[in-house]
């Protein structure tokens, strides 16, 4: 009886599970966003939902594929079909027969009976697996990276220096089938960006590969393209192209991935490199500006004298050491700087003397005035005598007679007794042009 009871139970279970797996289903997925890379599809029907085996997809079931997503159909562990185009699709190659999917009811019923017998042999369950997977085809942004140790950089200006860098890169799954086969397989739920890349502080292999190739790209930027390290943040296009050349072939073949963008957030030289950069910049500044060199020499001389005065062995000892340094060559540079500064001062004094000589002299005795007013007493600069103009039109006469017609210079008017007007050209009108008073 126990055996019979077991057979009856198995038959009941087999028939029940076979019938439950006949309802058509509808599969879809929301956007996978920036974190989920692969997600297993699940039915979205609530009323009349297929309550049978979750790994059986009834023939004729509908599958919606949203934008930015690829669809993979897996039958018994093998990818049998995929698409990267958004839209509505129908499952029409199911391994499990359905009495609801075809108008030929008798043929389908026969297949269901055969399917039920196979389930009886497996304890009431069908030894098949059919799954749907959605693969993220969006550009996955904001993958932070940073150099754990300073990287060497052959800068065209500062030569070999060491720099720390951090920034972001983005990647995209270009071949969903290769990505699924090489990294995820038949996962039960989701495969995320964290599962692939790890964290910046604890990078997994793909992130470590990116940093390794990035050091090669830096050598190319500095040694071949002669890009100064400070200009690297503005070379995002070049960095992306170089990273694609360094990684895309390897990542595409092995994982179906591509590098999309590379952005540098900050670049920081290490302490020794920073000190070297400052020294080179200072030297460049002195070479282009002798005044700065002379000022630096005077400052250094002053500081040396202060240190010599505070020397515990006595100022004489410190000054003796200062003299020895000058004899070793440092004094030549200092003397040259002082000589240049003295030359600049002499030139300035000569220029001031020349300006004083070329200026005008005020009635108070102040010479070298160059403006319109005296720098000592404030008197205006006297107007040069431009001569007088004859009634014939000849201007610039300086004598008592016109050089053109011989007329005598007119007697200057004494001015209007009422308003004080005076003639500027020496003429004597009968009436004042300002107030009309008879002159």
Protein backbone atom coordinates (compact mmCIF):
# COMPACT_ATOMS: atom_id res chain seq x y z
CA UNK A 1 0.00 0.00 0.00
CA UNK A 2 2.86 2.31 0.68
CA UNK A 3 4.18 1.83 -2.85
CA UNK A 4 0.73 2.34 -4.37
CA UNK A 5 0.19 5.38 -2.21
CA UNK A 6 3.53 6.77 -3.37
CA UNK A 7 2.67 6.18 -7.03
CA UNK A 8 -0.68 7.90 -6.62
CA UNK A 9 1.00 10.84 -4.92
CA UNK A 10 3.56 11.10 -7.68
CA UNK A 11 0.88 10.92 -10.39
CA UNK A 12 -1.13 13.62 -8.69
CA UNK A 13 1.88 15.84 -8.25
CA UNK A 14 3.02 15.30 -11.84
CA UNK A 15 -0.38 16.08 -13.36
CA UNK A 16 -0.85 19.08 -11.10
CA UNK A 17 2.58 20.59 -11.84
CA UNK A 18 2.19 19.89 -15.55
CA UNK A 19 -1.14 21.71 -15.69
CA UNK A 20 0.08 24.62 -13.56
CA UNK A 21 2.96 25.21 -15.99
CA UNK A 22 0.60 25.82 -18.93
CA UNK A 23 -0.48 29.40 -18.15
CA UNK A 24 1.08 32.12 -20.29
CA UNK A 25 3.22 34.64 -18.47
CA UNK A 26 4.47 38.19 -18.93
CA UNK A 27 8.07 39.11 -18.10
CA UNK A 28 9.55 42.59 -17.78
CA UNK A 29 12.06 44.54 -15.74
CA UNK A 30 12.45 48.08 -14.47
CA UNK A 31 15.59 50.04 -15.33
CA UNK A 32 18.71 48.38 -13.95
CA UNK A 33 20.16 51.80 -13.09
CA UNK A 34 23.83 52.32 -12.30
CA UNK A 35 24.35 49.49 -9.80
CA UNK A 36 22.76 46.32 -11.22
CA UNK A 37 24.53 44.78 -14.21
CA UNK A 38 22.51 41.56 -14.66
CA UNK A 39 19.10 40.65 -13.24
CA UNK A 40 17.08 37.50 -13.62
CA UNK A 41 13.65 38.17 -15.16
CA UNK A 42 10.50 37.50 -13.15
CA UNK A 43 6.86 37.31 -14.18
CA UNK A 44 4.76 40.38 -13.46
CA UNK A 45 1.28 38.77 -13.71
CA UNK A 46 -0.59 38.87 -10.41
CA UNK A 47 -4.03 37.50 -11.31
CA UNK A 48 -3.92 34.06 -12.97
CA UNK A 49 -0.22 33.87 -12.28
CA UNK A 50 1.62 30.72 -13.24
CA UNK A 51 2.13 29.04 -9.89
CA UNK A 52 4.10 26.17 -11.34
CA UNK A 53 7.85 25.76 -11.72
CA UNK A 54 9.59 29.16 -11.86
CA UNK A 55 12.15 27.71 -14.26
CA UNK A 56 9.53 26.80 -16.88
CA UNK A 57 8.38 29.44 -19.39
CA UNK A 58 5.15 28.54 -21.17
CA UNK A 59 5.20 28.66 -24.93
CA UNK A 60 3.74 31.95 -26.13
CA UNK A 61 4.62 33.95 -23.02
CA UNK A 62 5.32 37.66 -23.56
CA UNK A 63 8.63 39.34 -22.71
CA UNK A 64 9.10 43.12 -22.62
CA UNK A 65 12.59 44.53 -23.12
CA UNK A 66 13.09 48.16 -21.93
CA UNK A 67 15.50 50.65 -23.49
CA UNK A 68 19.16 50.33 -22.50
CA UNK A 69 18.73 46.63 -21.70
CA UNK A 70 19.66 43.39 -23.43
CA UNK A 71 17.57 40.21 -23.10
CA UNK A 72 19.11 36.73 -22.81
CA UNK A 73 17.04 33.52 -23.12
CA UNK A 74 18.60 30.54 -21.33
CA UNK A 75 17.28 27.04 -21.95
CA UNK A 76 18.74 24.23 -19.85
CA UNK A 77 21.77 26.33 -18.94
CA UNK A 78 22.58 27.47 -22.49
CA UNK A 79 22.00 30.88 -24.05
CA UNK A 80 19.71 30.09 -26.97
CA UNK A 81 18.76 33.63 -28.02
CA UNK A 82 19.33 37.29 -27.16
CA UNK A 83 18.39 40.76 -28.31
CA UNK A 84 19.58 44.30 -27.62
CA UNK A 85 16.54 45.96 -29.22
CA UNK A 86 13.77 47.29 -26.98
CA UNK A 87 10.25 46.00 -27.59
CA UNK A 88 7.80 43.13 -26.95
CA UNK A 89 8.82 39.55 -27.75
CA UNK A 90 7.12 36.12 -27.63
CA UNK A 91 8.68 32.93 -26.29
CA UNK A 92 8.01 30.43 -29.07
CA UNK A 93 10.61 27.70 -28.52
CA UNK A 94 9.65 26.35 -25.12
CA UNK A 95 10.91 22.94 -24.14
CA UNK A 96 7.77 22.36 -22.05
CA UNK A 97 4.55 21.59 -23.98
CA UNK A 98 1.38 23.55 -23.29
CA UNK A 99 -2.25 22.69 -23.99
CA UNK A 100 -3.03 26.42 -23.94
CA UNK A 101 -0.54 27.60 -26.55
CA UNK A 102 -1.82 25.86 -29.68
CA UNK A 103 -5.19 25.41 -31.36
CA UNK A 104 -4.44 21.74 -32.02
CA UNK A 105 -5.61 20.60 -28.61
CA UNK A 106 -5.19 16.86 -29.20
CA UNK A 107 -1.53 17.13 -30.23
CA UNK A 108 -0.79 19.33 -27.28
CA UNK A 109 -2.65 17.01 -24.94
CA UNK A 110 -0.49 14.10 -26.13
CA UNK A 111 2.65 16.13 -25.43
CA UNK A 112 1.34 17.04 -21.99
CA UNK A 113 0.70 13.37 -21.19
CA UNK A 114 4.24 12.56 -22.27
CA UNK A 115 5.54 15.45 -20.20
CA UNK A 116 3.52 14.20 -17.21
CA UNK A 117 5.12 10.74 -17.53
CA UNK A 118 8.60 12.33 -17.55
CA UNK A 119 7.71 14.29 -14.42
CA UNK A 120 6.49 11.09 -12.74
CA UNK A 121 9.92 9.57 -13.32
CA UNK A 122 11.53 12.65 -11.68
CA UNK A 123 9.30 12.66 -8.59
CA UNK A 124 6.73 15.04 -10.03
CA UNK A 125 9.13 17.74 -11.27
CA UNK A 126 10.39 18.42 -14.80
CA UNK A 127 14.15 18.15 -15.27
CA UNK A 128 14.34 21.32 -17.35
CA UNK A 129 15.36 24.94 -16.73
CA UNK A 130 14.29 27.99 -18.70
CA UNK A 131 15.27 31.48 -17.57
CA UNK A 132 15.26 35.08 -18.73
CA UNK A 133 18.08 37.51 -17.88
CA UNK A 134 18.24 41.26 -18.39
CA UNK A 135 21.72 42.75 -18.97
CA UNK A 136 22.46 46.44 -18.37
CA UNK A 137 23.63 48.17 -21.58
CA UNK A 138 23.82 51.68 -20.09
CA UNK A 139 27.06 53.58 -19.54
CA UNK A 140 28.03 52.77 -15.93
CA UNK A 141 29.33 56.04 -14.47
CA UNK A 142 31.22 57.24 -11.39
CA UNK A 143 33.67 54.41 -10.94
CA UNK A 144 36.19 56.07 -8.65
CA UNK A 145 39.88 55.32 -8.96
CA UNK A 146 42.97 56.60 -7.19
CA UNK A 147 46.66 55.78 -7.23
CA UNK A 148 47.60 54.08 -3.93
CA UNK A 149 51.22 55.15 -4.41
CA UNK A 150 52.76 58.01 -6.47
CA UNK A 151 53.22 57.12 -10.13
CA UNK A 152 56.30 58.18 -12.14
CA UNK A 153 55.64 60.82 -14.79
CA UNK A 154 58.15 62.11 -17.35
CA UNK A 155 57.10 65.75 -17.46
CA UNK A 156 58.54 67.78 -20.38
CA UNK A 157 59.21 70.74 -18.06
CA UNK A 158 60.13 69.17 -14.71
CA UNK A 159 61.52 65.86 -16.00
CA UNK A 160 60.99 62.79 -13.82
CA UNK A 161 58.48 63.49 -11.06
CA UNK A 162 56.00 61.41 -9.07
CA UNK A 163 52.31 62.26 -8.90
CA UNK A 164 49.18 61.02 -7.15
CA UNK A 165 45.92 61.05 -9.06
CA UNK A 166 42.25 60.32 -8.51
CA UNK A 167 39.22 60.55 -10.72
CA UNK A 168 36.39 58.60 -12.31
CA UNK A 169 35.92 56.29 -15.28
CA UNK A 170 32.89 54.76 -16.93
CA UNK A 171 32.42 51.49 -18.78
CA UNK A 172 29.74 49.79 -20.84
CA UNK A 173 28.75 46.18 -21.52
CA UNK A 174 29.00 45.92 -25.31
CA UNK A 175 28.63 42.12 -25.65
CA UNK A 176 25.98 40.88 -23.18
CA UNK A 177 26.45 37.21 -24.10
CA UNK A 178 30.23 37.31 -23.47
CA UNK A 179 29.67 39.18 -20.19
CA UNK A 180 27.05 36.63 -19.06
CA UNK A 181 29.14 33.62 -19.99
CA UNK A 182 32.43 34.86 -18.54
CA UNK A 183 31.28 36.58 -15.34
CA UNK A 184 27.76 35.82 -14.12
CA UNK A 185 26.34 32.58 -15.49
CA UNK A 186 22.89 31.45 -14.32
CA UNK A 187 22.65 33.67 -11.24
CA UNK A 188 19.63 33.39 -9.01
CA UNK A 189 18.90 37.11 -8.57
CA UNK A 190 21.31 39.99 -9.42
CA UNK A 191 24.93 40.72 -10.30
CA UNK A 192 26.03 44.25 -9.36
CA UNK A 193 28.81 46.72 -10.14
CA UNK A 194 30.21 46.08 -6.68
CA UNK A 195 30.48 42.37 -7.49
CA UNK A 196 32.52 43.25 -10.58
CA UNK A 197 34.73 46.17 -9.54
CA UNK A 198 34.88 46.05 -5.78
CA UNK A 199 35.54 49.24 -3.81
CA UNK A 200 38.37 51.75 -4.44
CA UNK A 201 39.93 50.78 -1.12
CA UNK A 202 39.47 47.06 -1.89
CA UNK A 203 39.58 46.80 -5.71
CA UNK A 204 38.73 43.60 -7.51
CA UNK A 205 40.63 42.47 -10.59
CA UNK A 206 38.96 44.69 -13.28
CA UNK A 207 39.55 47.85 -11.22
CA UNK A 208 43.16 46.78 -10.53
CA UNK A 209 43.65 46.17 -14.26
CA UNK A 210 42.41 49.69 -14.98
CA UNK A 211 44.97 51.24 -12.59
CA UNK A 212 47.75 49.10 -14.03
CA UNK A 213 47.01 50.20 -17.60
CA UNK A 214 46.57 53.80 -16.46
CA UNK A 215 50.23 53.99 -15.43
CA UNK A 216 51.15 52.93 -18.98
CA UNK A 217 48.92 55.68 -20.38
CA UNK A 218 50.66 58.28 -18.18
CA UNK A 219 54.05 57.26 -19.57
CA UNK A 220 52.69 57.76 -23.07
CA UNK A 221 51.23 61.19 -22.24
CA UNK A 222 54.48 62.47 -20.74
CA UNK A 223 57.16 60.69 -22.76
CA UNK A 224 55.53 60.76 -26.21
CA UNK A 225 52.99 63.60 -26.23
CA UNK A 226 55.01 65.91 -23.93
CA UNK A 227 51.98 66.96 -21.87
CA UNK A 228 52.72 68.82 -18.64
CA UNK A 229 51.29 67.02 -15.62
CA UNK A 230 49.19 70.06 -14.65
CA UNK A 231 47.41 69.93 -18.06
CA UNK A 232 46.33 66.28 -17.78
CA UNK A 233 42.80 67.08 -16.46
CA UNK A 234 42.05 68.88 -19.75
CA UNK A 235 43.14 65.84 -21.81
CA UNK A 236 40.09 63.65 -21.14
CA UNK A 237 39.62 62.75 -24.81
CA UNK A 238 43.23 61.65 -25.16
CA UNK A 239 43.09 59.67 -21.90
CA UNK A 240 39.92 57.89 -23.02
CA UNK A 241 41.44 56.96 -26.37
CA UNK A 242 44.62 55.66 -24.76
CA UNK A 243 42.71 53.66 -22.16
CA UNK A 244 40.54 52.17 -24.88
CA UNK A 245 43.65 51.16 -26.80
CA UNK A 246 45.17 49.64 -23.67
CA UNK A 247 42.10 47.82 -22.29
CA UNK A 248 39.30 47.49 -24.83
CA UNK A 249 40.72 44.55 -26.77
CA UNK A 250 41.47 42.63 -23.59
CA UNK A 251 38.23 43.53 -21.80
CA UNK A 252 36.09 43.03 -24.90
CA UNK A 253 37.40 39.55 -25.62
CA UNK A 254 37.42 38.39 -22.00
CA UNK A 255 34.34 40.14 -20.59
CA UNK A 256 32.48 41.98 -23.37
CA UNK A 257 33.22 45.39 -21.74
CA UNK A 258 34.50 48.72 -23.08
CA UNK A 259 35.97 51.82 -21.42
CA UNK A 260 33.76 54.83 -22.16
CA UNK A 261 35.21 57.89 -20.38
CA UNK A 262 38.11 58.82 -18.09
CA UNK A 263 38.02 62.00 -15.98
CA UNK A 264 40.81 63.18 -13.65
CA UNK A 265 39.64 64.92 -10.51
CA UNK A 266 42.97 66.07 -9.03
CA UNK A 267 46.73 65.65 -9.49
CA UNK A 268 49.14 66.08 -6.59
CA UNK A 269 52.93 65.75 -6.79
CA UNK A 270 54.62 64.03 -3.88
CA UNK A 271 56.70 66.11 -1.45
CA UNK A 272 60.05 65.71 -3.22
CA UNK A 273 58.55 66.42 -6.62
CA UNK A 274 56.74 69.48 -5.30
CA UNK A 275 60.00 70.85 -3.88
CA UNK A 276 61.73 70.28 -7.21
CA UNK A 277 58.91 71.97 -9.13
CA UNK A 278 59.10 75.03 -6.88
CA UNK A 279 62.87 75.28 -7.34
CA UNK A 280 62.57 75.08 -11.13
CA UNK A 281 59.78 77.66 -11.21
CA UNK A 282 61.84 79.98 -9.00
CA UNK A 283 64.87 79.62 -11.25
CA UNK A 284 62.74 80.37 -14.32
CA UNK A 285 61.34 83.44 -12.60
CA UNK A 286 64.84 84.74 -11.75
CA UNK A 287 66.14 84.10 -15.26
CA UNK A 288 63.34 86.12 -16.80
CA UNK A 289 63.34 88.89 -14.16
CA UNK A 290 66.80 90.23 -13.08
CA UNK A 291 65.14 92.45 -10.50
CA UNK A 292 63.72 89.38 -8.76
CA UNK A 293 67.17 87.75 -8.87
CA UNK A 294 68.80 90.82 -7.31
CA UNK A 295 66.14 91.02 -4.62
CA UNK A 296 66.57 87.33 -3.82
CA UNK A 297 70.34 87.80 -3.58
CA UNK A 298 69.96 90.72 -1.18
CA UNK A 299 67.46 88.73 0.88
CA UNK A 300 69.82 85.76 1.03
CA UNK A 301 72.74 88.02 2.00
CA UNK A 302 70.65 89.61 4.77
CA UNK A 303 69.52 86.26 6.14
CA UNK A 304 73.10 84.98 6.08
CA UNK A 305 74.27 88.01 8.06
CA UNK A 306 71.50 87.44 10.60
CA UNK A 307 72.55 83.83 11.02
CA UNK A 308 76.18 84.88 11.33
CA UNK A 309 75.26 87.36 14.05
CA UNK A 310 73.46 84.61 15.97
CA UNK A 311 76.27 82.09 15.57
CA UNK A 312 77.22 80.64 18.98
CA UNK A 313 80.89 80.63 17.91
CA UNK A 314 80.76 84.36 17.27
CA UNK A 315 79.79 86.63 14.44
CA UNK A 316 83.35 86.65 13.09
CA UNK A 317 83.21 82.89 12.55
CA UNK A 318 79.87 83.17 10.78
CA UNK A 319 81.09 86.01 8.57
CA UNK A 320 84.23 84.04 7.80
CA UNK A 321 82.07 81.16 6.63
CA UNK A 322 80.04 83.60 4.57
CA UNK A 323 83.24 84.86 2.97
CA UNK A 324 84.33 81.30 2.21
CA UNK A 325 80.99 80.65 0.51
CA UNK A 326 81.48 83.77 -1.57
CA UNK A 327 84.96 82.60 -2.54
CA UNK A 328 83.51 79.25 -3.66
CA UNK A 329 81.36 80.94 -6.29
CA UNK A 330 78.27 82.07 -4.48
CA UNK A 331 79.79 85.53 -4.06
CA UNK A 332 80.11 85.95 -7.81
CA UNK A 333 76.38 85.49 -8.25
CA UNK A 334 75.63 87.81 -5.35
CA UNK A 335 78.01 90.47 -6.64
CA UNK A 336 76.50 90.17 -10.07
CA UNK A 337 73.04 90.60 -8.58
CA UNK A 338 74.15 93.64 -6.56
CA UNK A 339 75.88 95.06 -9.64
CA UNK A 340 72.75 94.66 -11.69
CA UNK A 341 70.64 96.26 -8.99
CA UNK A 342 73.10 99.21 -8.77
CA UNK A 343 73.00 99.53 -12.53
CA UNK A 344 69.21 99.64 -12.43
CA UNK A 345 69.32 102.35 -9.75
CA UNK A 346 71.85 104.42 -11.76
CA UNK A 347 69.68 104.15 -14.82
CA UNK A 348 66.68 105.30 -12.81
CA UNK A 349 68.62 108.28 -11.42
CA UNK A 350 69.90 109.18 -14.88
CA UNK A 351 66.39 109.03 -16.22
CA UNK A 352 65.17 111.31 -13.43
CA UNK A 353 68.03 113.78 -14.11
CA UNK A 354 67.25 113.78 -17.80
CA UNK A 355 63.57 114.32 -17.08
CA UNK A 356 64.46 117.21 -14.77
CA UNK A 357 66.65 118.79 -17.42
CA UNK A 358 64.04 118.44 -20.11
CA UNK A 359 61.23 119.99 -17.98
CA UNK A 360 60.34 123.66 -17.50
CA UNK A 361 61.47 126.02 -14.75
CA UNK A 362 58.96 127.82 -12.58
CA UNK A 363 59.35 131.43 -11.50
CA UNK A 364 59.93 130.15 -7.95
CA UNK A 365 63.13 128.44 -9.15
CA UNK A 366 61.87 124.83 -9.30
CA UNK A 367 63.39 123.16 -12.40
CA UNK A 368 62.44 119.93 -14.16
CA UNK A 369 58.70 120.36 -13.95
CA UNK A 370 57.02 118.04 -16.49
CA UNK A 371 53.35 118.65 -15.72
CA UNK A 372 51.15 121.69 -16.23
CA UNK A 373 51.74 122.91 -12.69
CA UNK A 374 54.88 123.49 -10.64
CA UNK A 375 55.66 120.64 -8.28
CA UNK A 376 56.96 123.07 -5.66
CA UNK A 377 54.54 126.01 -5.52
CA UNK A 378 51.68 124.88 -7.77
CA UNK A 379 51.91 127.75 -10.26
CA UNK A 380 50.68 126.90 -13.78
CA UNK A 381 53.18 126.42 -16.58
CA UNK A 382 53.61 129.77 -18.44
CA UNK A 383 52.15 129.86 -21.92
CA UNK A 384 54.73 130.44 -24.63
CA UNK A 385 54.37 133.73 -26.53
CA UNK A 386 52.76 132.84 -29.85
CA UNK A 387 53.11 136.38 -31.34
CA UNK A 388 50.38 138.67 -32.61
CA UNK A 389 48.10 138.47 -35.64
CA UNK A 390 47.84 141.34 -38.09
CA UNK A 391 44.56 142.55 -39.57
CA UNK A 392 45.84 141.24 -42.94
CA UNK A 393 45.71 137.73 -41.52
CA UNK A 394 49.43 137.14 -41.00
CA UNK A 395 49.91 135.36 -37.65
CA UNK A 396 52.98 134.82 -35.49
CA UNK A 397 54.40 138.32 -35.71
CA UNK A 398 56.89 138.93 -32.91
CA UNK A 399 58.11 142.39 -33.84
CA UNK A 400 56.43 145.76 -33.74
CA UNK A 401 55.49 145.60 -37.45
CA UNK A 402 53.72 142.93 -39.52
CA UNK A 403 56.16 140.85 -41.51
CA UNK A 404 53.67 140.58 -44.38
CA UNK A 405 52.19 144.09 -44.92
CA UNK A 406 54.31 146.27 -42.59
CA UNK A 407 51.44 147.51 -40.47
CA UNK A 408 52.42 148.45 -36.93
CA UNK A 409 51.44 146.20 -34.05
CA UNK A 410 48.13 147.43 -32.61
CA UNK A 411 48.22 148.85 -29.13
CA UNK A 412 46.82 146.41 -26.61
CA UNK A 413 43.53 147.42 -25.20
CA UNK A 414 43.45 148.43 -21.59
CA UNK A 415 40.33 146.31 -21.19
CA UNK A 416 36.71 147.00 -20.47
CA UNK A 417 36.27 149.26 -17.41
CA UNK A 418 33.01 147.52 -16.55
CA UNK A 419 33.56 143.76 -16.95
CA UNK A 420 37.36 143.63 -17.28
CA UNK A 421 37.47 142.00 -20.72
CA UNK A 422 40.83 142.24 -22.56
CA UNK A 423 41.63 141.61 -26.18
CA UNK A 424 43.71 138.48 -26.74
CA UNK A 425 45.17 139.63 -30.10
CA UNK A 426 45.85 143.25 -29.17
CA UNK A 427 42.95 144.73 -31.15
CA UNK A 428 40.97 147.73 -29.84
CA UNK A 429 37.27 147.46 -30.69
CA UNK A 430 34.99 150.40 -30.06
CA UNK A 431 32.62 148.41 -27.87
CA UNK A 432 33.22 145.58 -25.39
CA UNK A 433 32.16 142.25 -26.98
CA UNK A 434 31.12 140.94 -23.53
CA UNK A 435 28.95 143.68 -22.04
CA UNK A 436 28.67 146.29 -24.87
CA UNK A 437 30.30 149.13 -22.93
CA UNK A 438 31.94 151.77 -25.16
CA UNK A 439 35.72 151.58 -24.95
